[in-house]
Amino acid sequence: MNRTGVYEKSSSAVSVIGGADGPTSIFFKKNAKLTLKQKIQRAKNKIKRFYVDKTLSCESHSLDEVIEYIVNRYRFAEVDKDAEEFPEEYQQMRASFIIQYAPELLGESTACPKLKSESPKDVEAYIRQSEERMQRAMEIPSTEFDIDFHKFKKAFDDINDTMYIVIEKKYAYIGGGAGGNKKVVKNFQSIYKDIYRYYGVTKEDKVSKSERYKDVVRTLSQ
């Protein structure tokens, strides 16, 4: 799962896109060649990553410090664990992390489902197996696998405007999203990148190209 909650099965033939509750769409790209527009976009992305790398200072902060930062600087408030939305989102992320970090707990569902062909029958079977795998992960008790999940929201005058940040401290995950008018969404993009720049990387992260480094560069390049 990436930071926007999207799953992708990397393949020259198949891409599987979905949310925290499992795959929802499958796109086929058999023997696809990059268009001129795609080549230009890829080149732009490479330039962006190069620029981010060169301007990224070797100063990092812990997730606890990040939490203080978003609360004090941007006035996000932590969502209470008794809030209606909390249990479902916590369970979905916990199940996703089980699949990613502890698939051995899934028993017969340990192995990731494979798409045998592009036929409707095989696609349906793949989706069904993926959903069953997610359901199995949801059923594993928190005593066997748990996460340190925190959600923060920013209040607006218009209840249709939303902005939230999700932080999972055990596996160093930062995510988030926004909805409502364009100004709120655009502002969130700026805030989100600022949070990631504050999170930062160490000199060792840059040298070793660690997962933290890749995550920060990828986010700041978007």
C-alpha atoms as a PDB file:
ATOM      1  CA  MET A   1       0.000   0.000   0.000  1.00  0.00           C
ATOM      2  CA  ASN A   2       1.275   3.383  -0.868  1.00  0.00           C
ATOM      3  CA  ARG A   3       0.675   6.601   1.039  1.00  0.00           C
ATOM      4  CA  THR A   4      -2.516   7.421  -0.762  1.00  0.00           C
ATOM      5  CA  GLY A   5      -4.080   4.077   0.035  1.00  0.00           C
ATOM      6  CA  VAL A   6      -3.663   2.599  -3.432  1.00  0.00           C
ATOM      7  CA  TYR A   7      -2.571  -0.932  -4.207  1.00  0.00           C
ATOM      8  CA  GLU A   8      -0.722  -1.649  -7.403  1.00  0.00           C
ATOM      9  CA  LYS A   9       0.408  -4.975  -8.765  1.00  0.00           C
ATOM     10  CA  SER A  10       3.482  -4.088 -10.803  1.00  0.00           C
ATOM     11  CA  SER A  11       3.400  -5.862 -14.122  1.00  0.00           C
ATOM     12  CA  SER A  12       3.759  -4.997 -17.764  1.00  0.00           C
ATOM     13  CA  ALA A  13       0.402  -6.682 -18.308  1.00  0.00           C
ATOM     14  CA  VAL A  14      -1.749  -6.016 -15.256  1.00  0.00           C
ATOM     15  CA  SER A  15      -2.392  -3.234 -12.760  1.00  0.00           C
ATOM     16  CA  VAL A  16      -4.697  -3.741  -9.790  1.00  0.00           C
ATOM     17  CA  ILE A  17      -6.036  -0.579  -8.194  1.00  0.00           C
ATOM     18  CA  GLY A  18      -8.022  -0.422  -4.992  1.00  0.00           C
ATOM     19  CA  GLY A  19      -8.400   0.998  -1.516  1.00  0.00           C
ATOM     20  CA  ALA A  20      -7.827  -0.136   2.040  1.00  0.00           C
ATOM     21  CA  ASP A  21     -10.585  -2.727   1.775  1.00  0.00           C
ATOM     22  CA  GLY A  22      -9.031  -4.574  -1.159  1.00  0.00           C
ATOM     23  CA  PRO A  23      -8.855  -4.361  -4.967  1.00  0.00           C
ATOM     24  CA  THR A  24     -11.676  -2.574  -6.721  1.00  0.00           C
ATOM     25  CA  SER A  25     -10.492  -2.236 -10.322  1.00  0.00           C
ATOM     26  CA  ILE A  26      -8.184  -4.081 -12.665  1.00  0.00           C
ATOM     27  CA  PHE A  27      -6.547  -2.535 -15.710  1.00  0.00           C
ATOM     28  CA  PHE A  28      -4.731  -4.466 -18.433  1.00  0.00           C
ATOM     29  CA  LYS A  29      -1.751  -3.079 -20.302  1.00  0.00           C
ATOM     30  CA  LYS A  30      -0.518  -5.914 -22.444  1.00  0.00           C
ATOM     31  CA  ASN A  31       2.735  -5.146 -24.242  1.00  0.00           C
ATOM     32  CA  ALA A  32       1.954  -1.451 -23.876  1.00  0.00           C
ATOM     33  CA  LYS A  33       4.476   1.067 -25.139  1.00  0.00           C
ATOM     34  CA  LEU A  34       4.916   4.464 -23.565  1.00  0.00           C
ATOM     35  CA  THR A  35       3.338   7.318 -25.439  1.00  0.00           C
ATOM     36  CA  LEU A  36       5.251  10.540 -26.044  1.00  0.00           C
ATOM     37  CA  LYS A  37       3.185  12.194 -23.310  1.00  0.00           C
ATOM     38  CA  GLN A  38       4.050   9.387 -20.867  1.00  0.00           C
ATOM     39  CA  LYS A  39       7.752   9.634 -21.739  1.00  0.00           C
ATOM     40  CA  ILE A  40       7.684  13.380 -21.128  1.00  0.00           C
ATOM     41  CA  GLN A  41       5.893  12.891 -17.792  1.00  0.00           C
ATOM     42  CA  ARG A  42       8.416  10.243 -16.746  1.00  0.00           C
ATOM     43  CA  ALA A  43      11.263  12.620 -17.584  1.00  0.00           C
ATOM     44  CA  LYS A  44       9.571  15.397 -15.573  1.00  0.00           C
ATOM     45  CA  ASN A  45       9.170  13.066 -12.591  1.00  0.00           C
ATOM     46  CA  LYS A  46      12.842  12.136 -12.780  1.00  0.00           C
ATOM     47  CA  ILE A  47      13.820  15.804 -12.785  1.00  0.00           C
ATOM     48  CA  LYS A  48      11.522  16.461  -9.806  1.00  0.00           C
ATOM     49  CA  ARG A  49      13.084  13.617  -7.818  1.00  0.00           C
ATOM     50  CA  PHE A  50      16.574  14.880  -8.683  1.00  0.00           C
ATOM     51  CA  TYR A  51      15.641  18.381  -7.494  1.00  0.00           C
ATOM     52  CA  VAL A  52      14.067  17.064  -4.277  1.00  0.00           C
ATOM     53  CA  ASP A  53      17.147  14.966  -3.556  1.00  0.00           C
ATOM     54  CA  LYS A  54      19.451  17.958  -3.985  1.00  0.00           C
ATOM     55  CA  THR A  55      17.340  20.257  -1.806  1.00  0.00           C
ATOM     56  CA  LEU A  56      16.527  17.728   0.910  1.00  0.00           C
ATOM     57  CA  SER A  57      18.434  18.565   4.071  1.00  0.00           C
ATOM     58  CA  CYS A  58      19.655  15.793   6.339  1.00  0.00           C
ATOM     59  CA  GLU A  59      17.444  16.719   9.263  1.00  0.00           C
ATOM     60  CA  SER A  60      14.871  14.253  10.521  1.00  0.00           C
ATOM     61  CA  HIS A  61      12.203  14.146  13.217  1.00  0.00           C
ATOM     62  CA  SER A  62      10.424  11.320  14.991  1.00  0.00           C
ATOM     63  CA  LEU A  63       6.764  10.558  14.430  1.00  0.00           C
ATOM     64  CA  ASP A  64       5.994  11.915  17.912  1.00  0.00           C
ATOM     65  CA  GLU A  65       7.592  15.182  16.841  1.00  0.00           C
ATOM     66  CA  VAL A  66       5.593  15.089  13.603  1.00  0.00           C
ATOM     67  CA  ILE A  67       2.404  14.731  15.643  1.00  0.00           C
ATOM     68  CA  GLU A  68       3.349  17.762  17.747  1.00  0.00           C
ATOM     69  CA  TYR A  69       4.117  19.630  14.528  1.00  0.00           C
ATOM     70  CA  ILE A  70       0.747  19.038  12.870  1.00  0.00           C
ATOM     71  CA  VAL A  71      -1.129  19.838  16.086  1.00  0.00           C
ATOM     72  CA  ASN A  72       0.779  22.998  16.967  1.00  0.00           C
ATOM     73  CA  ARG A  73       1.476  24.406  13.498  1.00  0.00           C
ATOM     74  CA  TYR A  74      -1.613  23.345  11.554  1.00  0.00           C
ATOM     75  CA  ARG A  75      -4.162  22.922  14.361  1.00  0.00           C
ATOM     76  CA  PHE A  76      -5.099  19.325  13.626  1.00  0.00           C
ATOM     77  CA  ALA A  77      -6.917  17.572  16.459  1.00  0.00           C
ATOM     78  CA  GLU A  78      -6.610  13.858  17.197  1.00  0.00           C
ATOM     79  CA  VAL A  79      -9.736  11.796  16.576  1.00  0.00           C
ATOM     80  CA  ASP A  80     -10.925  10.065  19.733  1.00  0.00           C
ATOM     81  CA  LYS A  81     -10.706   6.277  19.677  1.00  0.00           C
ATOM     82  CA  ASP A  82     -14.391   6.175  20.624  1.00  0.00           C
ATOM     83  CA  ALA A  83     -15.384   8.156  17.529  1.00  0.00           C
ATOM     84  CA  GLU A  84     -17.674   6.354  15.096  1.00  0.00           C
ATOM     85  CA  GLU A  85     -15.175   6.411  12.223  1.00  0.00           C
ATOM     86  CA  PHE A  86     -12.181   5.202  14.226  1.00  0.00           C
ATOM     87  CA  PRO A  87     -12.755   1.409  14.644  1.00  0.00           C
ATOM     88  CA  GLU A  88     -13.388   0.693  10.956  1.00  0.00           C
ATOM     89  CA  GLU A  89     -10.409   2.702   9.711  1.00  0.00           C
ATOM     90  CA  TYR A  90      -8.152   1.187  12.357  1.00  0.00           C
ATOM     91  CA  GLN A  91      -9.250  -2.348  11.400  1.00  0.00           C
ATOM     92  CA  GLN A  92      -8.781  -1.722   7.691  1.00  0.00           C
ATOM     93  CA  MET A  93      -5.265  -0.421   8.175  1.00  0.00           C
ATOM     94  CA  ARG A  94      -4.399  -3.232  10.583  1.00  0.00           C
ATOM     95  CA  ALA A  95      -5.586  -5.820   8.033  1.00  0.00           C
ATOM     96  CA  SER A  96      -3.598  -4.128   5.267  1.00  0.00           C
ATOM     97  CA  PHE A  97      -0.480  -4.161   7.422  1.00  0.00           C
ATOM     98  CA  ILE A  98      -0.962  -7.849   8.258  1.00  0.00           C
ATOM     99  CA  ILE A  99      -1.022  -8.626   4.539  1.00  0.00           C
ATOM    100  CA  GLN A 100       2.057  -6.491   3.977  1.00  0.00           C
ATOM    101  CA  TYR A 101       4.181  -7.307   7.023  1.00  0.00           C
ATOM    102  CA  ALA A 102       2.905 -10.599   8.483  1.00  0.00           C
ATOM    103  CA  PRO A 103       1.208 -12.646   5.725  1.00  0.00           C
ATOM    104  CA  GLU A 104       2.241 -15.850   7.531  1.00  0.00           C
ATOM    105  CA  LEU A 105      -0.603 -15.171   9.971  1.00  0.00           C
ATOM    106  CA  LEU A 106      -3.115 -15.715   7.175  1.00  0.00           C
ATOM    107  CA  GLY A 107      -2.675 -19.489   7.082  1.00  0.00           C
ATOM    108  CA  GLU A 108      -3.938 -20.851   3.759  1.00  0.00           C
ATOM    109  CA  SER A 109      -4.191 -17.274   2.493  1.00  0.00           C
ATOM    110  CA  THR A 110      -0.498 -16.528   3.071  1.00  0.00           C
ATOM    111  CA  ALA A 111       0.373 -16.485  -0.621  1.00  0.00           C
ATOM    112  CA  CYS A 112      -0.751 -13.482  -2.624  1.00  0.00           C
ATOM    113  CA  PRO A 113      -3.494 -14.398  -5.151  1.00  0.00           C
ATOM    114  CA  LYS A 114      -2.316 -14.710  -8.749  1.00  0.00           C
ATOM    115  CA  LEU A 115      -4.220 -13.640 -11.813  1.00  0.00           C
ATOM    116  CA  LYS A 116      -4.106 -16.626 -14.191  1.00  0.00           C
ATOM    117  CA  SER A 117      -5.442 -14.830 -17.251  1.00  0.00           C
ATOM    118  CA  GLU A 118      -7.462 -11.840 -18.411  1.00  0.00           C
ATOM    119  CA  SER A 119     -10.657 -13.858 -18.763  1.00  0.00           C
ATOM    120  CA  PRO A 120     -13.682 -12.548 -16.789  1.00  0.00           C
ATOM    121  CA  LYS A 121     -13.783 -15.819 -14.858  1.00  0.00           C
ATOM    122  CA  ASP A 122     -10.163 -15.567 -13.719  1.00  0.00           C
ATOM    123  CA  VAL A 123     -10.498 -11.854 -12.938  1.00  0.00           C
ATOM    124  CA  GLU A 124     -13.550 -12.554 -10.762  1.00  0.00           C
ATOM    125  CA  ALA A 125     -11.682 -15.373  -9.008  1.00  0.00           C
ATOM    126  CA  TYR A 126      -8.730 -13.074  -8.356  1.00  0.00           C
ATOM    127  CA  ILE A 127     -10.933 -10.345  -6.871  1.00  0.00           C
ATOM    128  CA  ARG A 128     -12.807 -12.881  -4.729  1.00  0.00           C
ATOM    129  CA  GLN A 129      -9.557 -14.391  -3.397  1.00  0.00           C
ATOM    130  CA  SER A 130      -8.182 -10.930  -2.616  1.00  0.00           C
ATOM    131  CA  GLU A 131     -11.346  -9.991  -0.741  1.00  0.00           C
ATOM    132  CA  GLU A 132     -11.269 -13.272   1.193  1.00  0.00           C
ATOM    133  CA  ARG A 133      -7.623 -12.601   2.088  1.00  0.00           C
ATOM    134  CA  MET A 134      -8.504  -9.156   3.403  1.00  0.00           C
ATOM    135  CA  GLN A 135     -11.417 -10.607   5.393  1.00  0.00           C
ATOM    136  CA  ARG A 136      -9.118 -13.234   6.888  1.00  0.00           C
ATOM    137  CA  ALA A 137      -6.716 -10.475   7.928  1.00  0.00           C
ATOM    138  CA  MET A 138      -9.581  -8.571   9.563  1.00  0.00           C
ATOM    139  CA  GLU A 139     -10.441 -11.637  11.664  1.00  0.00           C
ATOM    140  CA  ILE A 140      -6.954 -11.999  13.169  1.00  0.00           C
ATOM    141  CA  PRO A 141      -7.123 -10.710  16.774  1.00  0.00           C
ATOM    142  CA  SER A 142      -5.126  -7.662  17.787  1.00  0.00           C
ATOM    143  CA  THR A 143      -3.359  -9.800  20.402  1.00  0.00           C
ATOM    144  CA  GLU A 144      -1.529 -11.470  17.491  1.00  0.00           C
ATOM    145  CA  PHE A 145      -0.864  -8.346  15.457  1.00  0.00           C
ATOM    146  CA  ASP A 146      -1.564  -4.756  16.364  1.00  0.00           C
ATOM    147  CA  ILE A 147      -0.702  -1.287  15.122  1.00  0.00           C
ATOM    148  CA  ASP A 148      -0.309   2.132  16.738  1.00  0.00           C
ATOM    149  CA  PHE A 149      -2.922   4.011  14.714  1.00  0.00           C
ATOM    150  CA  HIS A 150      -3.646   7.722  15.076  1.00  0.00           C
ATOM    151  CA  LYS A 151      -5.922   9.965  13.025  1.00  0.00           C
ATOM    152  CA  PHE A 152      -5.975  13.758  13.062  1.00  0.00           C
ATOM    153  CA  LYS A 153      -8.569  16.078  11.526  1.00  0.00           C
ATOM    154  CA  LYS A 154      -8.681  19.787  10.854  1.00  0.00           C
ATOM    155  CA  ALA A 155     -11.956  21.614  11.430  1.00  0.00           C
ATOM    156  CA  PHE A 156     -13.488  24.070   8.936  1.00  0.00           C
ATOM    157  CA  ASP A 157     -16.544  26.314   8.997  1.00  0.00           C
ATOM    158  CA  ASP A 158     -18.079  24.315   6.143  1.00  0.00           C
ATOM    159  CA  ILE A 159     -18.726  20.731   7.281  1.00  0.00           C
ATOM    160  CA  ASN A 160     -18.205  19.552   3.686  1.00  0.00           C
ATOM    161  CA  ASP A 161     -14.569  20.620   3.844  1.00  0.00           C
ATOM    162  CA  THR A 162     -12.362  17.926   5.343  1.00  0.00           C
ATOM    163  CA  MET A 163      -8.674  17.408   5.921  1.00  0.00           C
ATOM    164  CA  TYR A 164      -7.064  14.538   7.808  1.00  0.00           C
ATOM    165  CA  ILE A 165      -3.681  13.003   8.555  1.00  0.00           C
ATOM    166  CA  VAL A 166      -3.154   9.354   9.535  1.00  0.00           C
ATOM    167  CA  ILE A 167      -0.015   8.267  11.388  1.00  0.00           C
ATOM    168  CA  GLU A 168       0.933   4.696  12.277  1.00  0.00           C
ATOM    169  CA  LYS A 169       3.916   4.717  14.596  1.00  0.00           C
ATOM    170  CA  LYS A 170       5.069   1.071  14.599  1.00  0.00           C
ATOM    171  CA  TYR A 171       5.608   0.864  10.851  1.00  0.00           C
ATOM    172  CA  ALA A 172       6.334   4.553  10.220  1.00  0.00           C
ATOM    173  CA  TYR A 173       3.337   5.325   8.030  1.00  0.00           C
ATOM    174  CA  ILE A 174       2.098   8.815   7.215  1.00  0.00           C
ATOM    175  CA  GLY A 175      -0.971   9.266   5.037  1.00  0.00           C
ATOM    176  CA  GLY A 176      -3.871  11.599   4.605  1.00  0.00           C
ATOM    177  CA  GLY A 177      -6.440  13.206   2.387  1.00  0.00           C
ATOM    178  CA  ALA A 178      -8.810  16.122   1.873  1.00  0.00           C
ATOM    179  CA  GLY A 179     -12.193  16.873   0.384  1.00  0.00           C
ATOM    180  CA  GLY A 180     -14.413  19.836  -0.281  1.00  0.00           C
ATOM    181  CA  ASN A 181     -13.616  22.983  -2.242  1.00  0.00           C
ATOM    182  CA  LYS A 182     -10.523  23.223  -4.426  1.00  0.00           C
ATOM    183  CA  LYS A 183      -8.813  25.678  -2.086  1.00  0.00           C
ATOM    184  CA  VAL A 184      -8.954  23.191   0.809  1.00  0.00           C
ATOM    185  CA  VAL A 185      -7.610  20.348  -1.335  1.00  0.00           C
ATOM    186  CA  LYS A 186      -4.792  22.505  -2.723  1.00  0.00           C
ATOM    187  CA  ASN A 187      -3.928  23.742   0.754  1.00  0.00           C
ATOM    188  CA  PHE A 188      -3.793  20.170   2.007  1.00  0.00           C
ATOM    189  CA  GLN A 189      -1.296  19.216  -0.693  1.00  0.00           C
ATOM    190  CA  SER A 190       0.976  22.009   0.508  1.00  0.00           C
ATOM    191  CA  ILE A 191       0.562  21.020   4.173  1.00  0.00           C
ATOM    192  CA  TYR A 192       1.139  17.335   3.423  1.00  0.00           C
ATOM    193  CA  LYS A 193       4.429  18.023   1.669  1.00  0.00           C
ATOM    194  CA  ASP A 194       5.534  20.347   4.452  1.00  0.00           C
ATOM    195  CA  ILE A 195       4.834  17.583   6.983  1.00  0.00           C
ATOM    196  CA  TYR A 196       6.957  15.158   4.978  1.00  0.00           C
ATOM    197  CA  ARG A 197       9.775  17.667   4.653  1.00  0.00           C
ATOM    198  CA  TYR A 198       9.653  18.142   8.430  1.00  0.00           C
ATOM    199  CA  TYR A 199       9.657  14.352   8.912  1.00  0.00           C
ATOM    200  CA  GLY A 200      12.790  14.362   6.799  1.00  0.00           C
ATOM    201  CA  VAL A 201      15.691  11.972   6.411  1.00  0.00           C
ATOM    202  CA  THR A 202      19.104  11.410   7.938  1.00  0.00           C
ATOM    203  CA  LYS A 203      22.397  11.466   6.085  1.00  0.00           C
ATOM    204  CA  GLU A 204      22.450   7.682   6.344  1.00  0.00           C
ATOM    205  CA  ASP A 205      18.988   7.529   4.734  1.00  0.00           C
ATOM    206  CA  LYS A 206      20.238   9.521   1.740  1.00  0.00           C
ATOM    207  CA  VAL A 207      23.385   7.458   1.342  1.00  0.00           C
ATOM    208  CA  SER A 208      21.645   4.083   1.645  1.00  0.00           C
ATOM    209  CA  LYS A 209      18.505   5.194  -0.235  1.00  0.00           C
ATOM    210  CA  SER A 210      16.431   3.742   2.618  1.00  0.00           C
ATOM    211  CA  GLU A 211      12.679   3.157   2.443  1.00  0.00           C
ATOM    212  CA  ARG A 212      12.192   6.335   4.461  1.00  0.00           C
ATOM    213  CA  TYR A 213      14.274   8.271   1.941  1.00  0.00           C
ATOM    214  CA  LYS A 214      12.322   6.811  -1.010  1.00  0.00           C
ATOM    215  CA  ASP A 215       9.018   7.592   0.677  1.00  0.00           C
ATOM    216  CA  VAL A 216       9.951  11.209   1.430  1.00  0.00           C
ATOM    217  CA  VAL A 217      11.354  11.855  -2.063  1.00  0.00           C
ATOM    218  CA  ARG A 218       8.370  10.223  -3.749  1.00  0.00           C
ATOM    219  CA  THR A 219       5.903  12.329  -1.734  1.00  0.00           C
ATOM    220  CA  LEU A 220       7.749  15.610  -2.232  1.00  0.00           C
ATOM    221  CA  SER A 221       8.021  14.909  -5.974  1.00  0.00           C
ATOM    222  CA  GLN A 222       4.281  14.609  -6.478  1.00  0.00           C
END
